[in-house]
Amino acid sequence: MNSGRVCWPAGDRRAGSGLATTIVTDPDAGHRTVLPGEQVIDAGLPMQRGGIPEADRRLGELA
């Protein structure tokens, strides 16, 4: 059963050390999150990163 909690080991370690951590997700986002003001990077090694550019940007805005 999925409780809706996202498992991210580093987040658990941070919380265990008393550090506030917020995990943001977007089910349609891929590997490259685009933060506000950043340009989409399409260079580098060719690989399947998944996601759609709009969702990558949404995820960056949430972060």
PDB file of N, CA and C in Angstrom:
ATOM      1  N   MET A   1       0.842  -1.183   0.000  1.00  0.00           N
ATOM      2  CA  MET A   1       0.000   0.000   0.000  1.00  0.00           C
ATOM      3  C   MET A   1       0.880   1.238   0.000  1.00  0.00           C
ATOM      4  N   ASN A   2       0.568   2.197  -0.839  1.00  0.00           N
ATOM      5  CA  ASN A   2       1.339   3.428  -0.924  1.00  0.00           C
ATOM      6  C   ASN A   2       0.672   4.483  -0.068  1.00  0.00           C
ATOM      7  N   SER A   3       1.391   4.959   0.945  1.00  0.00           N
ATOM      8  CA  SER A   3       0.851   5.980   1.852  1.00  0.00           C
ATOM      9  C   SER A   3       0.942   7.372   1.255  1.00  0.00           C
ATOM     10  N   GLY A   4       1.527   7.491   0.065  1.00  0.00           N
ATOM     11  CA  GLY A   4       1.724   8.794  -0.540  1.00  0.00           C
ATOM     12  C   GLY A   4       3.063   9.403  -0.153  1.00  0.00           C
ATOM     13  N   ARG A   5       3.780   8.794   0.737  1.00  0.00           N
ATOM     14  CA  ARG A   5       5.080   9.301   1.179  1.00  0.00           C
ATOM     15  C   ARG A   5       6.130   8.919   0.143  1.00  0.00           C
ATOM     16  N   VAL A   6       6.911   9.893  -0.241  1.00  0.00           N
ATOM     17  CA  VAL A   6       7.988   9.647  -1.187  1.00  0.00           C
ATOM     18  C   VAL A   6       9.216   9.226  -0.396  1.00  0.00           C
ATOM     19  N   CYS A   7       9.811   8.125  -0.771  1.00  0.00           N
ATOM     20  CA  CYS A   7      10.998   7.635  -0.091  1.00  0.00           C
ATOM     21  C   CYS A   7      12.226   8.226  -0.753  1.00  0.00           C
ATOM     22  N   TRP A   8      12.967   9.013  -0.020  1.00  0.00           N
ATOM     23  CA  TRP A   8      14.212   9.581  -0.499  1.00  0.00           C
ATOM     24  C   TRP A   8      15.190   9.484   0.651  1.00  0.00           C
ATOM     25  N   PRO A   9      16.134   8.561   0.605  1.00  0.00           N
ATOM     26  CA  PRO A   9      17.021   8.307   1.743  1.00  0.00           C
ATOM     27  C   PRO A   9      17.703   9.550   2.296  1.00  0.00           C
ATOM     28  N   ALA A  10      18.162  10.449   1.439  1.00  0.00           N
ATOM     29  CA  ALA A  10      18.830  11.650   1.939  1.00  0.00           C
ATOM     30  C   ALA A  10      17.857  12.512   2.734  1.00  0.00           C
ATOM     31  N   GLY A  11      16.587  12.537   2.326  1.00  0.00           N
ATOM     32  CA  GLY A  11      15.574  13.285   3.075  1.00  0.00           C
ATOM     33  C   GLY A  11      15.370  12.703   4.453  1.00  0.00           C
ATOM     34  N   ASP A  12      15.368  11.372   4.545  1.00  0.00           N
ATOM     35  CA  ASP A  12      15.237  10.722   5.842  1.00  0.00           C
ATOM     36  C   ASP A  12      16.432  11.036   6.735  1.00  0.00           C
ATOM     37  N   ARG A  13      17.630  11.047   6.157  1.00  0.00           N
ATOM     38  CA  ARG A  13      18.833  11.371   6.945  1.00  0.00           C
ATOM     39  C   ARG A  13      18.782  12.814   7.435  1.00  0.00           C
ATOM     40  N   ARG A  14      18.357  13.720   6.569  1.00  0.00           N
ATOM     41  CA  ARG A  14      18.266  15.128   6.970  1.00  0.00           C
ATOM     42  C   ARG A  14      17.254  15.294   8.096  1.00  0.00           C
ATOM     43  N   ALA A  15      16.098  14.668   7.957  1.00  0.00           N
ATOM     44  CA  ALA A  15      15.066  14.768   8.991  1.00  0.00           C
ATOM     45  C   ALA A  15      15.575  14.188  10.309  1.00  0.00           C
ATOM     46  N   GLY A  16      16.312  13.080  10.226  1.00  0.00           N
ATOM     47  CA  GLY A  16      16.864  12.461  11.418  1.00  0.00           C
ATOM     48  C   GLY A  16      17.885  13.347  12.112  1.00  0.00           C
ATOM     49  N   SER A  17      18.455  14.298  11.372  1.00  0.00           N
ATOM     50  CA  SER A  17      19.422  15.236  11.944  1.00  0.00           C
ATOM     51  C   SER A  17      18.764  16.548  12.339  1.00  0.00           C
ATOM     52  N   GLY A  18      17.423  16.592  12.260  1.00  0.00           N
ATOM     53  CA  GLY A  18      16.702  17.801  12.647  1.00  0.00           C
ATOM     54  C   GLY A  18      16.667  18.877  11.579  1.00  0.00           C
ATOM     55  N   LEU A  19      17.017  18.537  10.337  1.00  0.00           N
ATOM     56  CA  LEU A  19      17.014  19.510   9.251  1.00  0.00           C
ATOM     57  C   LEU A  19      15.697  19.447   8.484  1.00  0.00           C
ATOM     58  N   ALA A  20      15.100  20.591   8.263  1.00  0.00           N
ATOM     59  CA  ALA A  20      13.846  20.641   7.519  1.00  0.00           C
ATOM     60  C   ALA A  20      14.103  20.278   6.059  1.00  0.00           C
ATOM     61  N   THR A  21      13.265  19.419   5.504  1.00  0.00           N
ATOM     62  CA  THR A  21      13.417  18.983   4.117  1.00  0.00           C
ATOM     63  C   THR A  21      12.040  18.870   3.489  1.00  0.00           C
ATOM     64  N   THR A  22      11.891  19.472   2.338  1.00  0.00           N
ATOM     65  CA  THR A  22      10.653  19.358   1.581  1.00  0.00           C
ATOM     66  C   THR A  22      10.971  18.673   0.262  1.00  0.00           C
ATOM     67  N   ILE A  23      10.257  17.618  -0.033  1.00  0.00           N
ATOM     68  CA  ILE A  23      10.447  16.896  -1.288  1.00  0.00           C
ATOM     69  C   ILE A  23       9.293  17.260  -2.206  1.00  0.00           C
ATOM     70  N   VAL A  24       9.619  17.739  -3.401  1.00  0.00           N
ATOM     71  CA  VAL A  24       8.593  18.084  -4.383  1.00  0.00           C
ATOM     72  C   VAL A  24       8.696  17.116  -5.547  1.00  0.00           C
ATOM     73  N   THR A  25       7.550  16.726  -6.073  1.00  0.00           N
ATOM     74  CA  THR A  25       7.529  15.786  -7.188  1.00  0.00           C
ATOM     75  C   THR A  25       6.525  16.236  -8.234  1.00  0.00           C
ATOM     76  N   ASP A  26       6.706  15.766  -9.419  1.00  0.00           N
ATOM     77  CA  ASP A  26       5.748  15.940 -10.511  1.00  0.00           C
ATOM     78  C   ASP A  26       5.812  14.642 -11.306  1.00  0.00           C
ATOM     79  N   PRO A  27       4.721  13.902 -11.376  1.00  0.00           N
ATOM     80  CA  PRO A  27       4.758  12.591 -12.034  1.00  0.00           C
ATOM     81  C   PRO A  27       5.135  12.645 -13.510  1.00  0.00           C
ATOM     82  N   ASP A  28       5.021  13.809 -14.140  1.00  0.00           N
ATOM     83  CA  ASP A  28       5.341  13.924 -15.558  1.00  0.00           C
ATOM     84  C   ASP A  28       6.746  14.469 -15.808  1.00  0.00           C
ATOM     85  N   ALA A  29       7.452  14.827 -14.736  1.00  0.00           N
ATOM     86  CA  ALA A  29       8.789  15.407 -14.903  1.00  0.00           C
ATOM     87  C   ALA A  29       9.812  14.316 -15.187  1.00  0.00           C
ATOM     88  N   GLY A  30      10.869  14.717 -15.833  1.00  0.00           N
ATOM     89  CA  GLY A  30      11.948  13.786 -16.155  1.00  0.00           C
ATOM     90  C   GLY A  30      13.156  14.008 -15.269  1.00  0.00           C
ATOM     91  N   HIS A  31      14.323  13.749 -15.828  1.00  0.00           N
ATOM     92  CA  HIS A  31      15.566  13.783 -15.078  1.00  0.00           C
ATOM     93  C   HIS A  31      16.086  15.194 -14.854  1.00  0.00           C
ATOM     94  N   ARG A  32      15.812  16.095 -15.765  1.00  0.00           N
ATOM     95  CA  ARG A  32      16.383  17.436 -15.680  1.00  0.00           C
ATOM     96  C   ARG A  32      15.355  18.465 -15.238  1.00  0.00           C
ATOM     97  N   THR A  33      15.369  18.772 -13.960  1.00  0.00           N
ATOM     98  CA  THR A  33      14.510  19.815 -13.414  1.00  0.00           C
ATOM     99  C   THR A  33      15.036  21.168 -13.881  1.00  0.00           C
ATOM    100  N   VAL A  34      14.133  22.053 -14.281  1.00  0.00           N
ATOM    101  CA  VAL A  34      14.514  23.377 -14.753  1.00  0.00           C
ATOM    102  C   VAL A  34      14.071  24.395 -13.710  1.00  0.00           C
ATOM    103  N   LEU A  35      15.040  25.026 -13.043  1.00  0.00           N
ATOM    104  CA  LEU A  35      14.732  26.025 -12.032  1.00  0.00           C
ATOM    105  C   LEU A  35      14.354  27.341 -12.697  1.00  0.00           C
ATOM    106  N   PRO A  36      13.570  28.191 -11.996  1.00  0.00           N
ATOM    107  CA  PRO A  36      13.182  29.476 -12.578  1.00  0.00           C
ATOM    108  C   PRO A  36      14.404  30.267 -13.045  1.00  0.00           C
ATOM    109  N   GLY A  37      14.319  30.811 -14.245  1.00  0.00           N
ATOM    110  CA  GLY A  37      15.404  31.590 -14.812  1.00  0.00           C
ATOM    111  C   GLY A  37      16.424  30.769 -15.580  1.00  0.00           C
ATOM    112  N   GLU A  38      16.367  29.455 -15.475  1.00  0.00           N
ATOM    113  CA  GLU A  38      17.305  28.594 -16.196  1.00  0.00           C
ATOM    114  C   GLU A  38      16.792  28.279 -17.594  1.00  0.00           C
ATOM    115  N   GLN A  39      17.726  28.039 -18.498  1.00  0.00           N
ATOM    116  CA  GLN A  39      17.392  27.574 -19.826  1.00  0.00           C
ATOM    117  C   GLN A  39      17.379  26.051 -19.814  1.00  0.00           C
ATOM    118  N   VAL A  40      16.543  25.464 -20.641  1.00  0.00           N
ATOM    119  CA  VAL A  40      16.520  24.010 -20.772  1.00  0.00           C
ATOM    120  C   VAL A  40      17.836  23.565 -21.397  1.00  0.00           C
ATOM    121  N   ILE A  41      18.486  22.594 -20.782  1.00  0.00           N
ATOM    122  CA  ILE A  41      19.743  22.067 -21.303  1.00  0.00           C
ATOM    123  C   ILE A  41      19.434  20.834 -22.136  1.00  0.00           C
ATOM    124  N   ASP A  42      19.853  20.862 -23.383  1.00  0.00           N
ATOM    125  CA  ASP A  42      19.620  19.696 -24.229  1.00  0.00           C
ATOM    126  C   ASP A  42      20.931  19.151 -24.789  1.00  0.00           C
ATOM    127  N   ALA A  43      22.035  19.569 -24.203  1.00  0.00           N
ATOM    128  CA  ALA A  43      23.343  19.085 -24.642  1.00  0.00           C
ATOM    129  C   ALA A  43      23.762  17.905 -23.768  1.00  0.00           C
ATOM    130  N   GLY A  44      24.915  17.380 -24.036  1.00  0.00           N
ATOM    131  CA  GLY A  44      25.435  16.280 -23.240  1.00  0.00           C
ATOM    132  C   GLY A  44      25.225  14.947 -23.926  1.00  0.00           C
ATOM    133  N   LEU A  45      25.416  13.906 -23.169  1.00  0.00           N
ATOM    134  CA  LEU A  45      25.264  12.565 -23.710  1.00  0.00           C
ATOM    135  C   LEU A  45      23.817  12.278 -24.060  1.00  0.00           C
ATOM    136  N   PRO A  46      23.571  11.665 -25.215  1.00  0.00           N
ATOM    137  CA  PRO A  46      22.199  11.298 -25.551  1.00  0.00           C
ATOM    138  C   PRO A  46      21.728  10.166 -24.644  1.00  0.00           C
ATOM    139  N   MET A  47      20.597  10.374 -24.003  1.00  0.00           N
ATOM    140  CA  MET A  47      19.997   9.345 -23.159  1.00  0.00           C
ATOM    141  C   MET A  47      18.519   9.648 -22.995  1.00  0.00           C
ATOM    142  N   GLN A  48      17.780   8.656 -22.621  1.00  0.00           N
ATOM    143  CA  GLN A  48      16.357   8.866 -22.374  1.00  0.00           C
ATOM    144  C   GLN A  48      16.200   9.418 -20.966  1.00  0.00           C
ATOM    145  N   ARG A  49      15.747  10.647 -20.885  1.00  0.00           N
ATOM    146  CA  ARG A  49      15.573  11.285 -19.583  1.00  0.00           C
ATOM    147  C   ARG A  49      14.125  11.236 -19.131  1.00  0.00           C
ATOM    148  N   GLY A  50      13.235  10.925 -20.020  1.00  0.00           N
ATOM    149  CA  GLY A  50      11.826  10.860 -19.664  1.00  0.00           C
ATOM    150  C   GLY A  50      11.263  12.243 -19.396  1.00  0.00           C
ATOM    151  N   GLY A  51       9.982  12.265 -19.112  1.00  0.00           N
ATOM    152  CA  GLY A  51       9.329  13.515 -18.757  1.00  0.00           C
ATOM    153  C   GLY A  51       9.076  14.411 -19.949  1.00  0.00           C
ATOM    154  N   ILE A  52       8.428  15.512 -19.644  1.00  0.00           N
ATOM    155  CA  ILE A  52       8.147  16.522 -20.658  1.00  0.00           C
ATOM    156  C   ILE A  52       8.687  17.858 -20.149  1.00  0.00           C
ATOM    157  N   PRO A  53       9.145  18.723 -21.046  1.00  0.00           N
ATOM    158  CA  PRO A  53       9.759  19.988 -20.619  1.00  0.00           C
ATOM    159  C   PRO A  53       8.862  20.828 -19.702  1.00  0.00           C
ATOM    160  N   GLU A  54       7.559  20.849 -19.972  1.00  0.00           N
ATOM    161  CA  GLU A  54       6.649  21.643 -19.150  1.00  0.00           C
ATOM    162  C   GLU A  54       6.649  21.140 -17.699  1.00  0.00           C
ATOM    163  N   ALA A  55       6.662  19.819 -17.520  1.00  0.00           N
ATOM    164  CA  ALA A  55       6.670  19.248 -16.173  1.00  0.00           C
ATOM    165  C   ALA A  55       8.017  19.474 -15.492  1.00  0.00           C
ATOM    166  N   ASP A  56       9.101  19.408 -16.244  1.00  0.00           N
ATOM    167  CA  ASP A  56      10.419  19.696 -15.673  1.00  0.00           C
ATOM    168  C   ASP A  56      10.446  21.124 -15.130  1.00  0.00           C
ATOM    169  N   ARG A  57       9.862  22.054 -15.867  1.00  0.00           N
ATOM    170  CA  ARG A  57       9.814  23.451 -15.430  1.00  0.00           C
ATOM    171  C   ARG A  57       8.885  23.613 -14.222  1.00  0.00           C
ATOM    172  N   ARG A  58       7.727  22.934 -14.234  1.00  0.00           N
ATOM    173  CA  ARG A  58       6.810  22.989 -13.073  1.00  0.00           C
ATOM    174  C   ARG A  58       7.511  22.528 -11.817  1.00  0.00           C
ATOM    175  N   LEU A  59       8.238  21.430 -11.939  1.00  0.00           N
ATOM    176  CA  LEU A  59       8.949  20.885 -10.784  1.00  0.00           C
ATOM    177  C   LEU A  59       9.985  21.868 -10.272  1.00  0.00           C
ATOM    178  N   GLY A  60      10.689  22.519 -11.176  1.00  0.00           N
ATOM    179  CA  GLY A  60      11.662  23.540 -10.779  1.00  0.00           C
ATOM    180  C   GLY A  60      11.007  24.698 -10.061  1.00  0.00           C
ATOM    181  N   GLU A  61       9.818  25.098 -10.498  1.00  0.00           N
ATOM    182  CA  GLU A  61       9.100  26.191  -9.846  1.00  0.00           C
ATOM    183  C   GLU A  61       8.672  25.794  -8.441  1.00  0.00           C
ATOM    184  N   LEU A  62       8.289  24.540  -8.245  1.00  0.00           N
ATOM    185  CA  LEU A  62       7.912  24.066  -6.913  1.00  0.00           C
ATOM    186  C   LEU A  62       9.098  24.036  -5.960  1.00  0.00           C
ATOM    187  N   ALA A  63      10.279  23.730  -6.524  1.00  0.00           N
ATOM    188  CA  ALA A  63      11.476  23.636  -5.677  1.00  0.00           C
ATOM    189  C   ALA A  63      11.853  25.021  -5.217  1.00  0.00           C
TER     190      ALA A  63
END
